[in-house]
Amino acid sequence: MWLADDPPLEAVVGTVVCCRGKRLRDAEDFQTISEPDFAKAAMNFRVEDAGSGYCRVITETRVLATDPAAVRRFGLYWAFIYPGSALLRDGWLAAIKKRAETGGSIA
């Protein structure tokens, strides 16, 4: 789900992880989840001016678990998913770099 979209500076997406049955309707739903048994994650891509005609793309992932049980479940989930997640993020950053340097498509 889109949490923020501020072209060309930042895009933020979020989701509920490690939990079944919770469907998000909108960004407010994401922000207000606080009951036990949930872990929510947000990931951004932010563009910063690096000077001399260059920019830097920064990406962060943040996770909030709402109770100790959700922390444990998320830890197991992350141990399993992290290698693939890291590869995807590296691929996205490489595609962003290619598009920025060529001014064309990332395909």
PDB file of N, CA and C in Angstrom:
ATOM      1  N   MET A   1       0.842  -1.165   0.000  1.00  0.00           N
ATOM      2  CA  MET A   1       0.000   0.000   0.000  1.00  0.00           C
ATOM      3  C   MET A   1       0.893   1.236   0.000  1.00  0.00           C
ATOM      4  N   TRP A   2       0.519   2.231  -0.809  1.00  0.00           N
ATOM      5  CA  TRP A   2       1.246   3.494  -0.826  1.00  0.00           C
ATOM      6  C   TRP A   2       0.964   4.263   0.466  1.00  0.00           C
ATOM      7  N   LEU A   3       2.027   4.639   1.152  1.00  0.00           N
ATOM      8  CA  LEU A   3       1.895   5.464   2.353  1.00  0.00           C
ATOM      9  C   LEU A   3       2.237   6.915   2.053  1.00  0.00           C
ATOM     10  N   ALA A   4       3.151   7.117   1.111  1.00  0.00           N
ATOM     11  CA  ALA A   4       3.525   8.468   0.675  1.00  0.00           C
ATOM     12  C   ALA A   4       4.066   8.374  -0.738  1.00  0.00           C
ATOM     13  N   ASP A   5       3.747   9.373  -1.530  1.00  0.00           N
ATOM     14  CA  ASP A   5       4.230   9.434  -2.902  1.00  0.00           C
ATOM     15  C   ASP A   5       4.503  10.896  -3.202  1.00  0.00           C
ATOM     16  N   ASP A   6       5.762  11.270  -3.119  1.00  0.00           N
ATOM     17  CA  ASP A   6       6.163  12.660  -3.263  1.00  0.00           C
ATOM     18  C   ASP A   6       7.232  12.771  -4.349  1.00  0.00           C
ATOM     19  N   PRO A   7       6.840  12.544  -5.631  1.00  0.00           N
ATOM     20  CA  PRO A   7       7.831  12.593  -6.704  1.00  0.00           C
ATOM     21  C   PRO A   7       8.438  13.991  -6.801  1.00  0.00           C
ATOM     22  N   PRO A   8       9.666  14.119  -7.116  1.00  0.00           N
ATOM     23  CA  PRO A   8      10.647  13.068  -7.344  1.00  0.00           C
ATOM     24  C   PRO A   8      11.485  12.759  -6.109  1.00  0.00           C
ATOM     25  N   LEU A   9      10.996  13.116  -4.926  1.00  0.00           N
ATOM     26  CA  LEU A   9      11.819  13.004  -3.723  1.00  0.00           C
ATOM     27  C   LEU A   9      11.691  11.697  -2.968  1.00  0.00           C
ATOM     28  N   GLU A  10      10.473  11.162  -2.814  1.00  0.00           N
ATOM     29  CA  GLU A  10      10.329   9.977  -1.969  1.00  0.00           C
ATOM     30  C   GLU A  10       9.048   9.222  -2.298  1.00  0.00           C
ATOM     31  N   ALA A  11       9.165   7.905  -2.159  1.00  0.00           N
ATOM     32  CA  ALA A  11       8.003   7.015  -2.238  1.00  0.00           C
ATOM     33  C   ALA A  11       8.099   6.070  -1.049  1.00  0.00           C
ATOM     34  N   VAL A  12       6.955   5.827  -0.383  1.00  0.00           N
ATOM     35  CA  VAL A  12       6.924   4.954   0.787  1.00  0.00           C
ATOM     36  C   VAL A  12       5.780   3.962   0.621  1.00  0.00           C
ATOM     37  N   VAL A  13       6.095   2.674   0.821  1.00  0.00           N
ATOM     38  CA  VAL A  13       5.074   1.636   0.789  1.00  0.00           C
ATOM     39  C   VAL A  13       5.057   0.925   2.130  1.00  0.00           C
ATOM     40  N   GLY A  14       3.922   0.359   2.480  1.00  0.00           N
ATOM     41  CA  GLY A  14       3.809  -0.344   3.751  1.00  0.00           C
ATOM     42  C   GLY A  14       2.902  -1.542   3.624  1.00  0.00           C
ATOM     43  N   THR A  15       3.082  -2.479   4.539  1.00  0.00           N
ATOM     44  CA  THR A  15       2.247  -3.668   4.572  1.00  0.00           C
ATOM     45  C   THR A  15       2.254  -4.259   5.975  1.00  0.00           C
ATOM     46  N   VAL A  16       1.306  -5.122   6.227  1.00  0.00           N
ATOM     47  CA  VAL A  16       1.288  -5.903   7.460  1.00  0.00           C
ATOM     48  C   VAL A  16       1.944  -7.231   7.125  1.00  0.00           C
ATOM     49  N   VAL A  17       2.913  -7.637   7.939  1.00  0.00           N
ATOM     50  CA  VAL A  17       3.617  -8.903   7.717  1.00  0.00           C
ATOM     51  C   VAL A  17       3.405  -9.813   8.920  1.00  0.00           C
ATOM     52  N   CYS A  18       3.541 -11.077   8.718  1.00  0.00           N
ATOM     53  CA  CYS A  18       3.472 -12.086   9.790  1.00  0.00           C
ATOM     54  C   CYS A  18       2.088 -12.268  10.396  1.00  0.00           C
ATOM     55  N   CYS A  19       1.084 -11.795   9.775  1.00  0.00           N
ATOM     56  CA  CYS A  19      -0.249 -11.908  10.372  1.00  0.00           C
ATOM     57  C   CYS A  19      -1.244 -12.256   9.288  1.00  0.00           C
ATOM     58  N   ARG A  20      -2.204 -13.052   9.644  1.00  0.00           N
ATOM     59  CA  ARG A  20      -3.239 -13.438   8.687  1.00  0.00           C
ATOM     60  C   ARG A  20      -4.517 -12.678   8.963  1.00  0.00           C
ATOM     61  N   GLY A  21      -5.219 -12.400   7.904  1.00  0.00           N
ATOM     62  CA  GLY A  21      -6.555 -11.855   8.054  1.00  0.00           C
ATOM     63  C   GLY A  21      -6.659 -10.351   8.161  1.00  0.00           C
ATOM     64  N   LYS A  22      -5.560  -9.629   8.241  1.00  0.00           N
ATOM     65  CA  LYS A  22      -5.642  -8.168   8.344  1.00  0.00           C
ATOM     66  C   LYS A  22      -5.483  -7.565   6.957  1.00  0.00           C
ATOM     67  N   ARG A  23      -6.510  -6.897   6.500  1.00  0.00           N
ATOM     68  CA  ARG A  23      -6.463  -6.229   5.206  1.00  0.00           C
ATOM     69  C   ARG A  23      -6.482  -4.724   5.444  1.00  0.00           C
ATOM     70  N   LEU A  24      -5.579  -4.049   4.789  1.00  0.00           N
ATOM     71  CA  LEU A  24      -5.488  -2.604   4.932  1.00  0.00           C
ATOM     72  C   LEU A  24      -6.375  -1.917   3.904  1.00  0.00           C
ATOM     73  N   ARG A  25      -7.140  -0.958   4.355  1.00  0.00           N
ATOM     74  CA  ARG A  25      -7.979  -0.178   3.438  1.00  0.00           C
ATOM     75  C   ARG A  25      -7.238   1.037   2.906  1.00  0.00           C
ATOM     76  N   ASP A  26      -6.410   1.646   3.768  1.00  0.00           N
ATOM     77  CA  ASP A  26      -5.723   2.875   3.378  1.00  0.00           C
ATOM     78  C   ASP A  26      -4.551   3.129   4.314  1.00  0.00           C
ATOM     79  N   ALA A  27      -3.824   4.212   4.055  1.00  0.00           N
ATOM     80  CA  ALA A  27      -2.642   4.545   4.864  1.00  0.00           C
ATOM     81  C   ALA A  27      -3.010   4.786   6.322  1.00  0.00           C
ATOM     82  N   GLU A  28      -4.186   5.327   6.579  1.00  0.00           N
ATOM     83  CA  GLU A  28      -4.610   5.551   7.966  1.00  0.00           C
ATOM     84  C   GLU A  28      -4.750   4.217   8.702  1.00  0.00           C
ATOM     85  N   ASP A  29      -5.297   3.206   8.039  1.00  0.00           N
ATOM     86  CA  ASP A  29      -5.373   1.855   8.613  1.00  0.00           C
ATOM     87  C   ASP A  29      -3.988   1.390   9.059  1.00  0.00           C
ATOM     88  N   PHE A  30      -3.016   1.575   8.162  1.00  0.00           N
ATOM     89  CA  PHE A  30      -1.647   1.162   8.459  1.00  0.00           C
ATOM     90  C   PHE A  30      -1.127   1.880   9.702  1.00  0.00           C
ATOM     91  N   GLN A  31      -1.325   3.172   9.753  1.00  0.00           N
ATOM     92  CA  GLN A  31      -0.795   3.973  10.858  1.00  0.00           C
ATOM     93  C   GLN A  31      -1.436   3.642  12.194  1.00  0.00           C
ATOM     94  N   THR A  32      -2.695   3.244  12.203  1.00  0.00           N
ATOM     95  CA  THR A  32      -3.405   3.078  13.469  1.00  0.00           C
ATOM     96  C   THR A  32      -3.388   1.653  14.022  1.00  0.00           C
ATOM     97  N   ILE A  33      -2.835   0.696  13.283  1.00  0.00           N
ATOM     98  CA  ILE A  33      -2.769  -0.670  13.812  1.00  0.00           C
ATOM     99  C   ILE A  33      -1.921  -0.658  15.079  1.00  0.00           C
ATOM    100  N   SER A  34      -2.516  -1.068  16.180  1.00  0.00           N
ATOM    101  CA  SER A  34      -1.767  -1.108  17.440  1.00  0.00           C
ATOM    102  C   SER A  34      -2.132  -2.316  18.294  1.00  0.00           C
ATOM    103  N   GLU A  35      -3.171  -3.051  17.897  1.00  0.00           N
ATOM    104  CA  GLU A  35      -3.572  -4.203  18.698  1.00  0.00           C
ATOM    105  C   GLU A  35      -2.489  -5.286  18.643  1.00  0.00           C
ATOM    106  N   PRO A  36      -2.443  -6.169  19.650  1.00  0.00           N
ATOM    107  CA  PRO A  36      -1.425  -7.213  19.700  1.00  0.00           C
ATOM    108  C   PRO A  36      -1.485  -8.134  18.480  1.00  0.00           C
ATOM    109  N   ASP A  37      -0.343  -8.769  18.205  1.00  0.00           N
ATOM    110  CA  ASP A  37      -0.258  -9.833  17.204  1.00  0.00           C
ATOM    111  C   ASP A  37      -0.008  -9.330  15.792  1.00  0.00           C
ATOM    112  N   PHE A  38       0.473  -8.116  15.639  1.00  0.00           N
ATOM    113  CA  PHE A  38       0.739  -7.588  14.304  1.00  0.00           C
ATOM    114  C   PHE A  38       2.174  -7.085  14.192  1.00  0.00           C
ATOM    115  N   ALA A  39       2.711  -7.175  12.995  1.00  0.00           N
ATOM    116  CA  ALA A  39       3.969  -6.528  12.644  1.00  0.00           C
ATOM    117  C   ALA A  39       3.712  -5.798  11.339  1.00  0.00           C
ATOM    118  N   LYS A  40       4.069  -4.534  11.310  1.00  0.00           N
ATOM    119  CA  LYS A  40       3.885  -3.776  10.084  1.00  0.00           C
ATOM    120  C   LYS A  40       5.244  -3.258   9.631  1.00  0.00           C
ATOM    121  N   ALA A  41       5.416  -3.220   8.319  1.00  0.00           N
ATOM    122  CA  ALA A  41       6.691  -2.820   7.742  1.00  0.00           C
ATOM    123  C   ALA A  41       6.454  -1.711   6.728  1.00  0.00           C
ATOM    124  N   ALA A  42       7.378  -0.765   6.702  1.00  0.00           N
ATOM    125  CA  ALA A  42       7.352   0.309   5.716  1.00  0.00           C
ATOM    126  C   ALA A  42       8.719   0.377   5.049  1.00  0.00           C
ATOM    127  N   MET A  43       8.729   0.616   3.752  1.00  0.00           N
ATOM    128  CA  MET A  43       9.975   0.729   2.994  1.00  0.00           C
ATOM    129  C   MET A  43       9.887   1.980   2.141  1.00  0.00           C
ATOM    130  N   ASN A  44      10.995   2.708   2.078  1.00  0.00           N
ATOM    131  CA  ASN A  44      10.993   3.914   1.256  1.00  0.00           C
ATOM    132  C   ASN A  44      12.157   3.921   0.285  1.00  0.00           C
ATOM    133  N   PHE A  45      12.007   4.751  -0.727  1.00  0.00           N
ATOM    134  CA  PHE A  45      13.086   5.151  -1.621  1.00  0.00           C
ATOM    135  C   PHE A  45      13.077   6.664  -1.586  1.00  0.00           C
ATOM    136  N   ARG A  46      14.200   7.241  -1.177  1.00  0.00           N
ATOM    137  CA  ARG A  46      14.297   8.698  -1.047  1.00  0.00           C
ATOM    138  C   ARG A  46      15.472   9.181  -1.891  1.00  0.00           C
ATOM    139  N   VAL A  47      15.274  10.255  -2.617  1.00  0.00           N
ATOM    140  CA  VAL A  47      16.310  10.839  -3.469  1.00  0.00           C
ATOM    141  C   VAL A  47      16.816  12.106  -2.793  1.00  0.00           C
ATOM    142  N   GLU A  48      18.148  12.182  -2.641  1.00  0.00           N
ATOM    143  CA  GLU A  48      18.773  13.355  -2.032  1.00  0.00           C
ATOM    144  C   GLU A  48      19.791  13.941  -3.001  1.00  0.00           C
ATOM    145  N   ASP A  49      19.897  15.249  -3.029  1.00  0.00           N
ATOM    146  CA  ASP A  49      20.890  15.934  -3.855  1.00  0.00           C
ATOM    147  C   ASP A  49      22.265  15.675  -3.258  1.00  0.00           C
ATOM    148  N   ALA A  50      23.181  15.137  -4.076  1.00  0.00           N
ATOM    149  CA  ALA A  50      24.542  14.873  -3.619  1.00  0.00           C
ATOM    150  C   ALA A  50      25.516  15.927  -4.143  1.00  0.00           C
ATOM    151  N   GLY A  51      25.000  16.931  -4.839  1.00  0.00           N
ATOM    152  CA  GLY A  51      25.835  18.001  -5.367  1.00  0.00           C
ATOM    153  C   GLY A  51      26.492  17.627  -6.687  1.00  0.00           C
ATOM    154  N   SER A  52      26.989  18.624  -7.382  1.00  0.00           N
ATOM    155  CA  SER A  52      27.707  18.446  -8.654  1.00  0.00           C
ATOM    156  C   SER A  52      26.909  17.657  -9.689  1.00  0.00           C
ATOM    157  N   GLY A  53      25.590  17.797  -9.668  1.00  0.00           N
ATOM    158  CA  GLY A  53      24.760  17.116 -10.644  1.00  0.00           C
ATOM    159  C   GLY A  53      24.447  15.669 -10.325  1.00  0.00           C
ATOM    160  N   TYR A  54      24.810  15.211  -9.145  1.00  0.00           N
ATOM    161  CA  TYR A  54      24.556  13.831  -8.737  1.00  0.00           C
ATOM    162  C   TYR A  54      23.455  13.785  -7.677  1.00  0.00           C
ATOM    163  N   CYS A  55      22.871  12.625  -7.538  1.00  0.00           N
ATOM    164  CA  CYS A  55      21.917  12.405  -6.457  1.00  0.00           C
ATOM    165  C   CYS A  55      22.219  11.062  -5.812  1.00  0.00           C
ATOM    166  N   ARG A  56      21.687  10.888  -4.649  1.00  0.00           N
ATOM    167  CA  ARG A  56      21.855   9.645  -3.898  1.00  0.00           C
ATOM    168  C   ARG A  56      20.461   9.093  -3.640  1.00  0.00           C
ATOM    169  N   VAL A  57      20.290   7.787  -3.897  1.00  0.00           N
ATOM    170  CA  VAL A  57      19.024   7.126  -3.596  1.00  0.00           C
ATOM    171  C   VAL A  57      19.239   6.308  -2.334  1.00  0.00           C
ATOM    172  N   ILE A  58      18.402   6.561  -1.342  1.00  0.00           N
ATOM    173  CA  ILE A  58      18.497   5.884  -0.053  1.00  0.00           C
ATOM    174  C   ILE A  58      17.227   5.080   0.140  1.00  0.00           C
ATOM    175  N   THR A  59      17.377   3.865   0.627  1.00  0.00           N
ATOM    176  CA  THR A  59      16.212   3.049   0.928  1.00  0.00           C
ATOM    177  C   THR A  59      16.348   2.509   2.339  1.00  0.00           C
ATOM    178  N   GLU A  60      15.252   2.527   3.050  1.00  0.00           N
ATOM    179  CA  GLU A  60      15.207   2.011   4.423  1.00  0.00           C
ATOM    180  C   GLU A  60      13.968   1.146   4.583  1.00  0.00           C
ATOM    181  N   THR A  61      14.080   0.180   5.465  1.00  0.00           N
ATOM    182  CA  THR A  61      12.914  -0.607   5.863  1.00  0.00           C
ATOM    183  C   THR A  61      12.788  -0.486   7.373  1.00  0.00           C
ATOM    184  N   ARG A  62      11.594  -0.207   7.813  1.00  0.00           N
ATOM    185  CA  ARG A  62      11.325  -0.121   9.253  1.00  0.00           C
ATOM    186  C   ARG A  62      10.170  -1.040   9.582  1.00  0.00           C
ATOM    187  N   VAL A  63      10.290  -1.694  10.740  1.00  0.00           N
ATOM    188  CA  VAL A  63       9.269  -2.649  11.168  1.00  0.00           C
ATOM    189  C   VAL A  63       8.855  -2.304  12.584  1.00  0.00           C
ATOM    190  N   LEU A  64       7.564  -2.383  12.835  1.00  0.00           N
ATOM    191  CA  LEU A  64       7.027  -2.205  14.180  1.00  0.00           C
ATOM    192  C   LEU A  64       6.158  -3.412  14.498  1.00  0.00           C
ATOM    193  N   ALA A  65       6.561  -4.163  15.511  1.00  0.00           N
ATOM    194  CA  ALA A  65       5.751  -5.279  16.005  1.00  0.00           C
ATOM    195  C   ALA A  65       5.004  -4.788  17.236  1.00  0.00           C
ATOM    196  N   THR A  66       3.746  -5.195  17.350  1.00  0.00           N
ATOM    197  CA  THR A  66       2.901  -4.626  18.396  1.00  0.00           C
ATOM    198  C   THR A  66       2.955  -5.363  19.723  1.00  0.00           C
ATOM    199  N   ASP A  67       3.641  -6.505  19.766  1.00  0.00           N
ATOM    200  CA  ASP A  67       3.805  -7.215  21.040  1.00  0.00           C
ATOM    201  C   ASP A  67       4.962  -8.207  20.910  1.00  0.00           C
ATOM    202  N   PRO A  68       5.440  -8.775  22.024  1.00  0.00           N
ATOM    203  CA  PRO A  68       6.589  -9.692  21.974  1.00  0.00           C
ATOM    204  C   PRO A  68       6.361 -10.918  21.074  1.00  0.00           C
ATOM    205  N   ALA A  69       5.157 -11.443  21.023  1.00  0.00           N
ATOM    206  CA  ALA A  69       4.891 -12.601  20.157  1.00  0.00           C
ATOM    207  C   ALA A  69       5.072 -12.214  18.687  1.00  0.00           C
ATOM    208  N   ALA A  70       4.624 -11.032  18.320  1.00  0.00           N
ATOM    209  CA  ALA A  70       4.789 -10.568  16.941  1.00  0.00           C
ATOM    210  C   ALA A  70       6.267 -10.322  16.635  1.00  0.00           C
ATOM    211  N   VAL A  71       7.033  -9.850  17.616  1.00  0.00           N
ATOM    212  CA  VAL A  71       8.477  -9.668  17.435  1.00  0.00           C
ATOM    213  C   VAL A  71       9.125 -11.006  17.112  1.00  0.00           C
ATOM    214  N   ARG A  72       8.785 -12.039  17.856  1.00  0.00           N
ATOM    215  CA  ARG A  72       9.363 -13.371  17.619  1.00  0.00           C
ATOM    216  C   ARG A  72       8.975 -13.899  16.244  1.00  0.00           C
ATOM    217  N   ARG A  73       7.705 -13.790  15.901  1.00  0.00           N
ATOM    218  CA  ARG A  73       7.255 -14.286  14.587  1.00  0.00           C
ATOM    219  C   ARG A  73       7.931 -13.517  13.458  1.00  0.00           C
ATOM    220  N   PHE A  74       8.037 -12.207  13.621  1.00  0.00           N
ATOM    221  CA  PHE A  74       8.686 -11.430  12.575  1.00  0.00           C
ATOM    222  C   PHE A  74      10.156 -11.817  12.451  1.00  0.00           C
ATOM    223  N   GLY A  75      10.819 -12.070  13.571  1.00  0.00           N
ATOM    224  CA  GLY A  75      12.218 -12.496  13.527  1.00  0.00           C
ATOM    225  C   GLY A  75      12.403 -13.760  12.705  1.00  0.00           C
ATOM    226  N   LEU A  76      11.521 -14.724  12.882  1.00  0.00           N
ATOM    227  CA  LEU A  76      11.577 -15.954  12.082  1.00  0.00           C
ATOM    228  C   LEU A  76      11.307 -15.661  10.614  1.00  0.00           C
ATOM    229  N   TYR A  77      10.296 -14.862  10.356  1.00  0.00           N
ATOM    230  CA  TYR A  77       9.945 -14.477   8.988  1.00  0.00           C
ATOM    231  C   TYR A  77      11.130 -13.780   8.318  1.00  0.00           C
ATOM    232  N   TRP A  78      11.748 -12.825   9.020  1.00  0.00           N
ATOM    233  CA  TRP A  78      12.832 -12.044   8.437  1.00  0.00           C
ATOM    234  C   TRP A  78      14.059 -12.909   8.165  1.00  0.00           C
ATOM    235  N   ALA A  79      14.354 -13.841   9.045  1.00  0.00           N
ATOM    236  CA  ALA A  79      15.491 -14.740   8.824  1.00  0.00           C
ATOM    237  C   ALA A  79      15.309 -15.526   7.520  1.00  0.00           C
ATOM    238  N   PHE A  80      14.079 -15.879   7.212  1.00  0.00           N
ATOM    239  CA  PHE A  80      13.783 -16.642   6.006  1.00  0.00           C
ATOM    240  C   PHE A  80      13.761 -15.745   4.769  1.00  0.00           C
ATOM    241  N   ILE A  81      13.167 -14.571   4.876  1.00  0.00           N
ATOM    242  CA  ILE A  81      12.912 -13.723   3.714  1.00  0.00           C
ATOM    243  C   ILE A  81      14.065 -12.776   3.379  1.00  0.00           C
ATOM    244  N   TYR A  82      14.940 -12.491   4.345  1.00  0.00           N
ATOM    245  CA  TYR A  82      15.974 -11.470   4.148  1.00  0.00           C
ATOM    246  C   TYR A  82      16.844 -11.677   2.906  1.00  0.00           C
ATOM    247  N   PRO A  83      17.389 -12.869   2.646  1.00  0.00           N
ATOM    248  CA  PRO A  83      18.265 -12.991   1.469  1.00  0.00           C
ATOM    249  C   PRO A  83      17.567 -12.574   0.166  1.00  0.00           C
ATOM    250  N   GLY A  84      16.354 -13.023  -0.036  1.00  0.00           N
ATOM    251  CA  GLY A  84      15.620 -12.631  -1.239  1.00  0.00           C
ATOM    252  C   GLY A  84      15.282 -11.154  -1.241  1.00  0.00           C
ATOM    253  N   SER A  85      14.936 -10.630  -0.089  1.00  0.00           N
ATOM    254  CA  SER A  85      14.622  -9.215   0.033  1.00  0.00           C
ATOM    255  C   SER A  85      15.831  -8.357  -0.335  1.00  0.00           C
ATOM    256  N   ALA A  86      17.003  -8.752   0.126  1.00  0.00           N
ATOM    257  CA  ALA A  86      18.227  -8.006  -0.177  1.00  0.00           C
ATOM    258  C   ALA A  86      18.515  -8.034  -1.678  1.00  0.00           C
ATOM    259  N   LEU A  87      18.318  -9.183  -2.318  1.00  0.00           N
ATOM    260  CA  LEU A  87      18.524  -9.277  -3.770  1.00  0.00           C
ATOM    261  C   LEU A  87      17.549  -8.383  -4.529  1.00  0.00           C
ATOM    262  N   LEU A  88      16.293  -8.386  -4.115  1.00  0.00           N
ATOM    263  CA  LEU A  88      15.304  -7.521  -4.766  1.00  0.00           C
ATOM    264  C   LEU A  88      15.670  -6.048  -4.626  1.00  0.00           C
ATOM    265  N   ARG A  89      16.050  -5.662  -3.426  1.00  0.00           N
ATOM    266  CA  ARG A  89      16.404  -4.253  -3.185  1.00  0.00           C
ATOM    267  C   ARG A  89      17.612  -3.861  -4.033  1.00  0.00           C
ATOM    268  N   ASP A  90      18.623  -4.725  -4.089  1.00  0.00           N
ATOM    269  CA  ASP A  90      19.789  -4.440  -4.929  1.00  0.00           C
ATOM    270  C   ASP A  90      19.388  -4.314  -6.396  1.00  0.00           C
ATOM    271  N   GLY A  91      18.464  -5.169  -6.845  1.00  0.00           N
ATOM    272  CA  GLY A  91      17.987  -5.093  -8.220  1.00  0.00           C
ATOM    273  C   GLY A  91      17.249  -3.799  -8.495  1.00  0.00           C
ATOM    274  N   TRP A  92      16.399  -3.386  -7.554  1.00  0.00           N
ATOM    275  CA  TRP A  92      15.674  -2.120  -7.718  1.00  0.00           C
ATOM    276  C   TRP A  92      16.646  -0.947  -7.795  1.00  0.00           C
ATOM    277  N   LEU A  93      17.633  -0.932  -6.900  1.00  0.00           N
ATOM    278  CA  LEU A  93      18.594   0.171  -6.900  1.00  0.00           C
ATOM    279  C   LEU A  93      19.418   0.180  -8.184  1.00  0.00           C
ATOM    280  N   ALA A  94      19.797  -0.994  -8.691  1.00  0.00           N
ATOM    281  CA  ALA A  94      20.541  -1.061  -9.954  1.00  0.00           C
ATOM    282  C   ALA A  94      19.688  -0.543 -11.114  1.00  0.00           C
ATOM    283  N   ALA A  95      18.401  -0.892 -11.118  1.00  0.00           N
ATOM    284  CA  ALA A  95      17.503  -0.422 -12.177  1.00  0.00           C
ATOM    285  C   ALA A  95      17.306   1.088 -12.098  1.00  0.00           C
ATOM    286  N   ILE A  96      17.191   1.620 -10.892  1.00  0.00           N
ATOM    287  CA  ILE A  96      17.056   3.068 -10.707  1.00  0.00           C
ATOM    288  C   ILE A  96      18.305   3.770 -11.229  1.00  0.00           C
ATOM    289  N   LYS A  97      19.471   3.225 -10.895  1.00  0.00           N
ATOM    290  CA  LYS A  97      20.739   3.802 -11.342  1.00  0.00           C
ATOM    291  C   LYS A  97      20.823   3.790 -12.863  1.00  0.00           C
ATOM    292  N   LYS A  98      20.490   2.652 -13.472  1.00  0.00           N
ATOM    293  CA  LYS A  98      20.545   2.538 -14.929  1.00  0.00           C
ATOM    294  C   LYS A  98      19.619   3.550 -15.593  1.00  0.00           C
ATOM    295  N   ARG A  99      18.413   3.653 -15.082  1.00  0.00           N
ATOM    296  CA  ARG A  99      17.456   4.589 -15.680  1.00  0.00           C
ATOM    297  C   ARG A  99      17.932   6.031 -15.518  1.00  0.00           C
ATOM    298  N   ALA A 100      18.475   6.352 -14.353  1.00  0.00           N
ATOM    299  CA  ALA A 100      18.963   7.718 -14.121  1.00  0.00           C
ATOM    300  C   ALA A 100      20.132   8.052 -15.047  1.00  0.00           C
ATOM    301  N   GLU A 101      21.020   7.079 -15.264  1.00  0.00           N
ATOM    302  CA  GLU A 101      22.212   7.330 -16.076  1.00  0.00           C
ATOM    303  C   GLU A 101      21.924   7.323 -17.573  1.00  0.00           C
ATOM    304  N   THR A 102      20.910   6.604 -17.999  1.00  0.00           N
ATOM    305  CA  THR A 102      20.620   6.518 -19.439  1.00  0.00           C
ATOM    306  C   THR A 102      19.444   7.379 -19.836  1.00  0.00           C
ATOM    307  N   GLY A 103      18.645   7.799 -18.853  1.00  0.00           N
ATOM    308  CA  GLY A 103      17.459   8.585 -19.155  1.00  0.00           C
ATOM    309  C   GLY A 103      16.382   7.785 -19.860  1.00  0.00           C
ATOM    310  N   GLY A 104      16.515   6.478 -19.808  1.00  0.00           N
ATOM    311  CA  GLY A 104      15.564   5.643 -20.538  1.00  0.00           C
ATOM    312  C   GLY A 104      14.857   4.661 -19.643  1.00  0.00           C
ATOM    313  N   SER A 105      14.378   3.630 -20.265  1.00  0.00           N
ATOM    314  CA  SER A 105      13.629   2.586 -19.596  1.00  0.00           C
ATOM    315  C   SER A 105      14.553   1.717 -18.755  1.00  0.00           C
ATOM    316  N   ILE A 106      13.995   1.107 -17.713  1.00  0.00           N
ATOM    317  CA  ILE A 106      14.785   0.190 -16.888  1.00  0.00           C
ATOM    318  C   ILE A 106      14.637  -1.247 -17.366  1.00  0.00           C
ATOM    319  N   ALA A 107      13.869  -1.457 -18.404  1.00  0.00           N
ATOM    320  CA  ALA A 107      13.646  -2.817 -18.914  1.00  0.00           C
ATOM    321  C   ALA A 107      14.832  -3.310 -19.696  1.00  0.00           C
TER     322      ALA A 107
END
